[in-house]
Protein backbone atom coordinates (compact mmCIF):
# COMPACT_ATOMS: atom_id res chain seq x y z
CA MET A 1 -137.70 -115.09 -48.39
CA SER A 2 -136.50 -116.25 -45.27
CA ALA A 3 -133.34 -114.14 -45.53
CA ALA A 4 -135.61 -111.26 -46.24
CA ILE A 5 -138.05 -112.09 -42.97
CA LYS A 6 -134.72 -112.33 -40.89
CA ASP A 7 -133.39 -108.97 -42.08
CA PHE A 8 -136.94 -107.49 -41.30
CA VAL A 9 -137.15 -108.96 -37.72
CA ASP A 10 -133.38 -107.99 -37.01
CA GLY A 11 -134.02 -104.37 -38.30
CA TYR A 12 -137.30 -104.12 -36.47
CA ASN A 13 -135.31 -105.48 -32.90
CA ASP A 14 -132.70 -102.90 -33.41
CA LEU A 15 -135.19 -100.10 -34.14
CA MET A 16 -137.14 -101.19 -30.43
CA ILE A 17 -133.94 -101.80 -28.44
CA ASN A 18 -131.60 -99.52 -29.76
CA ARG A 19 -133.55 -96.23 -31.02
CA ARG A 20 -136.16 -96.14 -28.60
CA ASP A 21 -136.35 -93.75 -25.61
CA PRO A 22 -135.61 -95.48 -22.51
CA ARG A 23 -137.53 -93.10 -20.48
CA VAL A 24 -141.05 -94.71 -21.78
CA ASP A 25 -139.81 -97.77 -20.84
CA GLY A 26 -142.73 -99.51 -18.78
CA TRP A 27 -145.49 -96.72 -19.49
CA PHE A 28 -148.60 -98.09 -20.41
CA LEU A 29 -149.13 -99.36 -24.27
CA MET A 30 -145.63 -98.33 -24.83
CA SER A 31 -143.78 -101.84 -24.92
CA SER A 32 -145.16 -102.56 -28.21
CA PRO A 33 -147.08 -101.15 -31.12
CA PHE A 34 -149.51 -104.21 -31.53
CA PRO A 35 -151.44 -103.52 -28.51
CA THR A 36 -152.45 -100.07 -30.11
CA LEU A 37 -152.86 -101.63 -33.42
CA LEU A 38 -155.35 -104.09 -31.77
CA ILE A 39 -157.26 -101.17 -29.95
CA CYS A 40 -157.61 -99.29 -33.61
CA SER A 41 -158.73 -102.17 -35.28
CA CYS A 42 -161.29 -103.00 -32.83
CA TYR A 43 -162.41 -99.16 -33.04
CA ILE A 44 -162.83 -99.46 -36.45
CA TYR A 45 -164.61 -102.95 -36.55
CA PHE A 46 -167.23 -101.46 -33.60
CA VAL A 47 -168.02 -98.35 -35.37
CA LYS A 48 -168.63 -99.81 -38.92
CA SER A 49 -169.90 -103.00 -38.43
CA LEU A 50 -170.52 -104.25 -34.68
CA GLY A 51 -172.06 -101.21 -33.26
CA PRO A 52 -174.56 -100.29 -36.18
CA ARG A 53 -175.78 -104.16 -36.24
CA LEU A 54 -176.55 -103.92 -32.42
CA MET A 55 -178.18 -100.61 -32.75
CA ARG A 56 -180.36 -101.55 -35.85
CA ASP A 57 -183.55 -102.72 -33.73
CA ARG A 58 -182.69 -100.56 -31.00
CA LYS A 59 -184.05 -96.96 -30.52
CA PRO A 60 -181.42 -94.14 -30.51
CA PHE A 61 -179.86 -93.25 -26.94
CA GLU A 62 -180.33 -89.67 -25.67
CA LEU A 63 -176.98 -89.33 -24.05
CA ARG A 64 -177.05 -85.71 -23.69
CA SER A 65 -175.68 -85.60 -20.17
CA ALA A 66 -172.95 -87.91 -20.94
CA ILE A 67 -171.87 -85.91 -23.94
CA ILE A 68 -171.58 -82.87 -21.90
CA ILE A 69 -169.81 -84.49 -19.21
CA TYR A 70 -167.28 -85.78 -22.34
CA ASN A 71 -167.11 -82.54 -23.82
CA VAL A 72 -166.22 -80.77 -20.36
CA ILE A 73 -163.42 -83.11 -19.52
CA GLN A 74 -161.88 -82.95 -23.37
CA VAL A 75 -161.93 -79.21 -22.52
CA VAL A 76 -160.17 -78.93 -19.09
CA GLY A 77 -157.86 -81.89 -20.18
CA SER A 78 -156.61 -80.16 -23.22
CA ILE A 79 -156.24 -77.05 -21.31
CA TYR A 80 -154.00 -78.74 -18.84
CA LEU A 81 -151.77 -80.17 -21.94
CA VAL A 82 -151.39 -77.00 -23.20
CA TYR A 83 -150.67 -75.41 -19.93
CA LYS A 84 -147.86 -77.84 -19.27
CA GLY A 85 -146.41 -77.57 -22.68
CA LEU A 86 -145.98 -73.88 -22.61
CA VAL A 87 -144.44 -73.62 -18.90
CA HIS A 88 -142.14 -76.50 -19.37
CA ALA A 89 -141.18 -76.44 -22.99
CA TRP A 90 -142.53 -73.66 -25.48
CA LEU A 91 -142.56 -70.08 -23.54
CA PHE A 92 -139.07 -70.09 -22.23
CA ARG A 93 -136.92 -73.34 -23.26
CA TYR A 94 -137.86 -74.12 -26.93
CA SER A 95 -136.91 -72.48 -30.45
CA LEU A 96 -139.30 -72.59 -33.10
CA ARG A 97 -136.47 -73.00 -35.82
CA CYS A 98 -134.98 -76.18 -34.35
CA GLN A 99 -135.34 -78.34 -31.39
CA PRO A 100 -133.57 -81.51 -30.84
CA VAL A 101 -134.97 -84.03 -28.24
CA ASP A 102 -133.35 -84.04 -25.07
CA TYR A 103 -133.28 -87.80 -23.95
CA SER A 104 -131.98 -87.03 -20.72
CA ASP A 105 -133.58 -86.99 -17.14
CA ASP A 106 -134.01 -83.25 -16.57
CA PRO A 107 -137.27 -82.48 -14.96
CA ASP A 108 -138.71 -80.45 -17.49
CA GLU A 109 -137.84 -82.61 -20.35
CA VAL A 110 -139.40 -85.83 -18.48
CA ILE A 111 -142.69 -83.83 -17.80
CA VAL A 112 -142.79 -82.97 -21.47
CA ALA A 113 -142.06 -86.70 -22.49
CA GLN A 114 -145.12 -87.33 -19.93
CA MET A 115 -147.35 -84.66 -21.73
CA CYS A 116 -146.38 -86.42 -24.87
CA TRP A 117 -147.86 -89.93 -23.51
CA TRP A 118 -151.16 -87.97 -22.22
CA TYR A 119 -151.37 -86.66 -25.90
CA PHE A 120 -150.99 -90.20 -27.44
CA PHE A 121 -153.45 -91.14 -24.86
CA CYS A 122 -156.22 -88.76 -25.42
CA LYS A 123 -156.33 -90.08 -28.87
CA PHE A 124 -158.11 -93.14 -27.48
CA THR A 125 -160.51 -91.13 -25.52
CA GLU A 126 -161.54 -89.38 -28.84
CA PHE A 127 -162.96 -92.84 -29.88
CA LEU A 128 -166.11 -91.77 -27.85
CA ASP A 129 -166.63 -89.13 -30.55
CA THR A 130 -167.75 -92.05 -32.90
CA VAL A 131 -169.33 -94.34 -30.17
CA PHE A 132 -171.71 -91.42 -29.56
CA PHE A 133 -172.42 -91.45 -32.99
CA VAL A 134 -173.24 -95.42 -32.90
CA LEU A 135 -175.20 -95.13 -29.59
CA ARG A 136 -177.42 -92.32 -31.35
CA LYS A 137 -177.76 -93.91 -34.49
CA LYS A 138 -175.98 -91.12 -36.05
CA ASN A 139 -174.42 -93.63 -38.81
CA ASP A 140 -174.36 -90.95 -41.86
CA GLN A 141 -172.15 -89.08 -40.01
CA ILE A 142 -169.72 -91.95 -39.15
CA THR A 143 -167.57 -91.18 -42.41
CA ASN A 144 -164.68 -93.15 -43.71
CA LEU A 145 -162.84 -90.15 -42.99
CA HIS A 146 -163.69 -89.44 -39.85
CA VAL A 147 -163.12 -93.39 -38.79
CA ILE A 148 -159.44 -93.22 -40.67
CA HIS A 149 -158.58 -90.12 -38.83
CA HIS A 150 -159.44 -91.30 -35.45
CA SER A 151 -157.86 -94.66 -36.19
CA ILE A 152 -154.57 -93.63 -37.48
CA MET A 153 -153.99 -90.88 -34.98
CA PRO A 154 -153.03 -93.25 -32.06
CA ALA A 155 -150.74 -95.39 -33.96
CA ALA A 156 -148.95 -92.19 -35.26
CA CYS A 157 -148.36 -90.83 -31.91
CA TRP A 158 -147.44 -94.08 -30.54
CA TRP A 159 -144.23 -93.89 -32.86
CA GLY A 160 -143.56 -90.28 -31.76
CA VAL A 161 -143.86 -91.08 -27.94
CA LYS A 162 -141.51 -93.91 -28.44
CA PHE A 163 -138.56 -92.50 -30.26
CA ALA A 164 -139.01 -88.81 -29.69
CA PRO A 165 -141.29 -87.55 -27.16
CA GLY A 166 -140.10 -83.94 -26.96
CA GLY A 167 -138.45 -81.31 -29.13
CA HIS A 168 -139.45 -80.19 -32.37
CA GLY A 169 -142.40 -82.53 -32.95
CA THR A 170 -144.14 -81.10 -29.63
CA PHE A 171 -145.45 -78.00 -31.82
CA PHE A 172 -147.77 -80.24 -33.49
CA GLY A 173 -149.20 -81.49 -30.34
CA MET A 174 -149.39 -78.22 -28.53
CA LEU A 175 -151.24 -76.30 -31.53
CA ASN A 176 -153.37 -79.18 -32.08
CA THR A 177 -154.55 -79.40 -28.31
CA PHE A 178 -154.89 -75.59 -28.46
CA VAL A 179 -157.54 -75.99 -31.28
CA HIS A 180 -159.26 -79.05 -29.32
CA ILE A 181 -159.92 -76.68 -26.58
CA ILE A 182 -161.91 -74.22 -28.78
CA MET A 183 -163.27 -77.04 -30.77
CA TYR A 184 -165.04 -79.10 -27.87
CA THR A 185 -165.96 -75.72 -26.21
CA TYR A 186 -168.06 -75.59 -29.42
CA TYR A 187 -169.27 -79.16 -29.04
CA LEU A 188 -170.21 -78.61 -25.08
CA PHE A 189 -172.24 -75.41 -26.12
CA SER A 190 -174.15 -77.14 -29.18
CA SER A 191 -174.85 -80.13 -26.87
CA MET A 192 -176.36 -77.80 -23.82
CA GLY A 193 -179.53 -77.04 -26.01
CA PRO A 194 -181.01 -74.31 -28.46
CA LYS A 195 -180.75 -71.40 -25.94
CA TYR A 196 -176.84 -71.63 -26.34
CA GLN A 197 -177.21 -71.58 -29.90
CA LYS A 198 -176.60 -67.78 -30.43
CA TYR A 199 -173.09 -68.19 -29.03
CA LEU A 200 -172.02 -70.34 -31.87
CA TRP A 201 -171.93 -67.93 -34.55
CA TRP A 202 -168.03 -68.54 -34.97
CA LYS A 203 -168.70 -72.10 -36.21
CA LYS A 204 -167.31 -70.59 -39.78
CA HIS A 205 -164.18 -69.51 -37.88
CA LEU A 206 -163.41 -72.46 -36.17
CA THR A 207 -162.92 -74.27 -39.71
CA THR A 208 -160.48 -71.44 -40.73
CA MET A 209 -158.46 -72.25 -37.37
CA GLN A 210 -158.32 -75.51 -38.22
CA MET A 211 -156.80 -74.93 -41.73
CA ILE A 212 -154.36 -72.12 -40.48
CA GLN A 213 -153.36 -74.83 -38.04
CA PHE A 214 -152.19 -77.20 -40.54
CA ILE A 215 -150.32 -74.49 -42.43
CA ALA A 216 -148.32 -73.55 -39.40
CA VAL A 217 -147.62 -77.37 -38.68
CA PHE A 218 -146.39 -77.78 -42.48
CA ILE A 219 -143.97 -74.85 -42.57
CA HIS A 220 -142.79 -75.44 -38.90
CA SER A 221 -142.01 -79.27 -39.98
CA ALA A 222 -140.84 -78.44 -43.43
CA GLN A 223 -137.93 -75.97 -42.43
CA LEU A 224 -136.34 -78.82 -41.01
CA PHE A 225 -135.37 -80.13 -44.80
CA PHE A 226 -133.32 -77.05 -45.03
CA ILE A 227 -131.25 -76.36 -41.85
CA ASP A 228 -129.25 -78.78 -39.88
CA CYS A 229 -131.22 -80.01 -36.74
CA ASN A 230 -130.80 -82.97 -35.00
CA PHE A 231 -134.47 -84.12 -35.26
CA PRO A 232 -135.74 -87.40 -36.86
CA LYS A 233 -136.45 -86.45 -40.30
CA VAL A 234 -138.74 -89.07 -40.89
CA LEU A 235 -141.06 -87.66 -38.37
CA ALA A 236 -140.90 -84.39 -39.96
CA TYR A 237 -141.87 -85.80 -43.26
CA ALA A 238 -144.79 -87.55 -41.43
CA MET A 239 -146.05 -84.32 -39.83
CA CYS A 240 -145.54 -82.64 -43.30
CA PHE A 241 -147.78 -85.40 -44.71
CA ASN A 242 -150.29 -84.96 -41.99
CA ALA A 243 -150.64 -81.37 -42.46
CA LEU A 244 -151.18 -81.29 -46.18
CA MET A 245 -153.78 -83.95 -46.17
CA PHE A 246 -156.06 -82.54 -43.61
CA LEU A 247 -155.49 -79.17 -44.99
CA SER A 248 -156.69 -80.36 -48.37
CA LEU A 249 -159.57 -82.05 -46.57
CA PHE A 250 -160.61 -79.14 -44.65
CA SER A 251 -160.03 -76.53 -47.39
CA ASN A 252 -162.69 -78.80 -49.49
CA PHE A 253 -165.18 -78.75 -46.58
CA TYR A 254 -164.88 -74.98 -46.18
CA ILE A 255 -165.51 -74.52 -50.10
CA GLN A 256 -168.54 -76.56 -50.19
CA ALA A 257 -170.15 -75.38 -47.10
CA TYR A 258 -169.48 -71.66 -46.97
CA ILE A 259 -168.65 -70.95 -50.70
CA LYS A 260 -170.52 -72.85 -53.03
CA ARG A 261 -173.72 -72.91 -50.77
CA ARG A 262 -174.10 -69.34 -51.39
CA ARG A 263 -174.19 -69.78 -54.89
CA LEU A 264 -177.27 -72.31 -55.02
CA PRO A 265 -179.46 -71.06 -57.43
CA ALA A 266 -183.16 -70.10 -56.51
CA ILE A 267 -185.52 -72.87 -56.78
CA LYS A 268 -188.81 -72.01 -58.45
CA LYS A 269 -192.40 -73.12 -57.27
CA ASP A 270 -193.15 -75.81 -59.16
CA ASP A 271 -195.91 -78.69 -57.93
CA ASP A 272 -194.32 -82.08 -57.31
CA SER A 273 -190.71 -81.18 -58.47
CA GLU A 274 -190.48 -78.45 -55.60
CA LYS A 275 -191.82 -81.08 -53.09
CA LYS A 276 -189.24 -83.78 -54.34
CA ALA A 277 -186.61 -80.67 -53.71
CA VAL A 278 -187.57 -80.53 -50.19
CA THR A 279 -188.11 -84.23 -49.31
CA ASP A 280 -185.77 -85.21 -46.45
CA ARG A 281 -184.66 -88.89 -46.24
CA ASN A 282 -187.59 -89.87 -44.04
CA GLY A 283 -190.09 -88.66 -46.58
CA ASN A 284 -191.25 -85.96 -44.98
CA PHE A 285 -191.81 -82.49 -46.51
CA ASN A 286 -190.26 -79.22 -45.32
CA VAL A 287 -187.11 -80.23 -43.72
CA ALA A 288 -186.70 -76.77 -42.10
CA ASN A 289 -189.05 -77.70 -39.22
CA GLY A 290 -189.43 -81.52 -39.73
CA HIS A 291 -193.16 -81.67 -40.57
CA SER A 292 -194.68 -81.97 -43.91
CA LYS A 293 -196.90 -79.77 -45.38
CA ASP A 294 -199.42 -79.91 -48.52
CA LYS A 295 -197.74 -76.33 -49.82
CA VAL A 296 -194.15 -75.48 -49.69
CA THR A 297 -193.45 -71.99 -50.58
CA SER A 298 -190.06 -71.34 -52.49
CA HIS A 299 -188.56 -69.70 -49.47
CA ASN A 300 -189.19 -72.67 -47.24
CA ALA A 301 -187.75 -75.05 -50.45
CA GLU A 302 -184.58 -72.86 -50.69
CA LYS A 303 -183.90 -73.46 -46.84
CA GLY A 304 -184.65 -77.09 -47.07
CA VAL A 305 -182.69 -77.75 -49.93
CA GLY A 306 -179.70 -75.63 -48.46
CA LYS A 307 -180.01 -77.76 -45.14
CA MET A 308 -180.03 -80.79 -47.28
CA PHE A 309 -176.84 -79.32 -49.06
CA THR A 310 -175.10 -78.88 -45.72
CA ASN A 311 -175.85 -82.29 -44.38
CA ILE A 312 -174.34 -83.79 -47.55
CA MET A 313 -171.10 -81.61 -47.76
CA SER A 314 -170.93 -82.28 -44.07
CA ASN A 315 -170.99 -86.21 -44.50
CA THR A 316 -168.09 -86.01 -47.46
CA SER A 317 -165.88 -83.46 -45.93
CA ASN A 318 -165.02 -84.24 -42.28
CA ALA A 319 -167.64 -82.46 -40.81
CA CYS A 320 -167.54 -84.49 -37.59
CA TYR A 321 -165.08 -81.55 -36.29
CA ILE A 322 -167.44 -79.04 -36.80
CA GLY A 323 -170.22 -79.96 -34.26
CA GLN A 324 -169.75 -83.68 -34.63
CA ASN A 325 -171.39 -84.39 -30.93
CA GLY A 326 -173.56 -81.54 -30.46
CA LEU A 327 -177.67 -82.54 -29.95
CA TYR A 328 -178.77 -79.53 -31.81
CA GLN A 329 -177.93 -78.05 -34.70
CA SER A 330 -176.16 -74.43 -35.17
CA ASN A 331 -179.18 -72.82 -36.44
CA GLY A 332 -180.76 -73.30 -32.93
CA LYS A 333 -183.47 -76.13 -33.99
CA ALA A 334 -183.53 -79.36 -32.60
CA LYS A 335 -182.15 -82.24 -34.34
CA SER A 336 -184.80 -84.99 -35.36
CA ASN A 337 -184.09 -87.35 -32.48
CA GLU A 338 -185.33 -84.60 -30.05
CA SER A 339 -188.78 -84.58 -29.08
CA SER A 340 -191.52 -82.93 -31.11
CA SER A 341 -192.23 -80.53 -28.14
CA THR A 342 -188.72 -79.34 -28.15
CA GLN A 343 -188.91 -78.49 -31.91
CA LYS A 344 -192.36 -76.36 -31.58
CA LYS A 345 -190.92 -74.47 -28.81
CA ASN A 346 -187.77 -73.35 -30.85
CA MET A 347 -189.70 -72.67 -33.76
């Protein structure tokens, strides 16, 4: 056992000393993976345990202005990263077929390495997506999938920045950051109120774009298995695994939310059974407008069930990426934490 431990320690030290990129020495959080792992562990503990317990007897925070500012920062930051990545790498210098990491002090490559670090750092700022859920008491949206994704990404990016901050792997970061521009723009509009909901008709296409992203990343990474390219194969395997995993999850969400939803059978009007079908989780009837009614028409029943079905599918399929921190539903109606006056105004 002692020999195995010694071999592990020696292998770890060799990895960290002899195989690292010396350009990142001294950069914040890059000396060891353990600070990153600690931050991710604290994030998991807060959003799954401490945060909900602290908010249990408190009213949910509004946070509308904070969420708008946060989304603006995410959009601007993502635009900046994409711009730098294009100018210093992918527009004129990098090859889509094979791009080894250049560990030299070439000014362009140093900037690319710095952009890789900023991409890694942005994974921590995205923790606020979940923190806003906690503070607004949207615990049903804190799915295991959501938490796993947000906690894994910083740790995975750390290894990329430590050993290969440039080259072929930056395609994934570039494409993902471009998608984030569109994604956080959607969140921004959805958080600004019902009058902006008419501009969010492209929600469905956002999911399609996410899936196209994962397909492109998989193809771009998998080609390294069939050609001679001086890029770490282990990172190519990791990117392929990540792409396939999230392609599967997003495809499942798309099928449940946009295909099977259309096939829901019509609900016949039937006293108690109909009222049960449109009872929301707070015990109110007619969830389409948030108020109970003594009589519910079959048309409103279908709307109520459809909305319930969408919520269920969203919680099970990482719907956090489809309007996760907006204050309003995409149909233009205010969510339950908005005032009743705002609801009536929009009905």
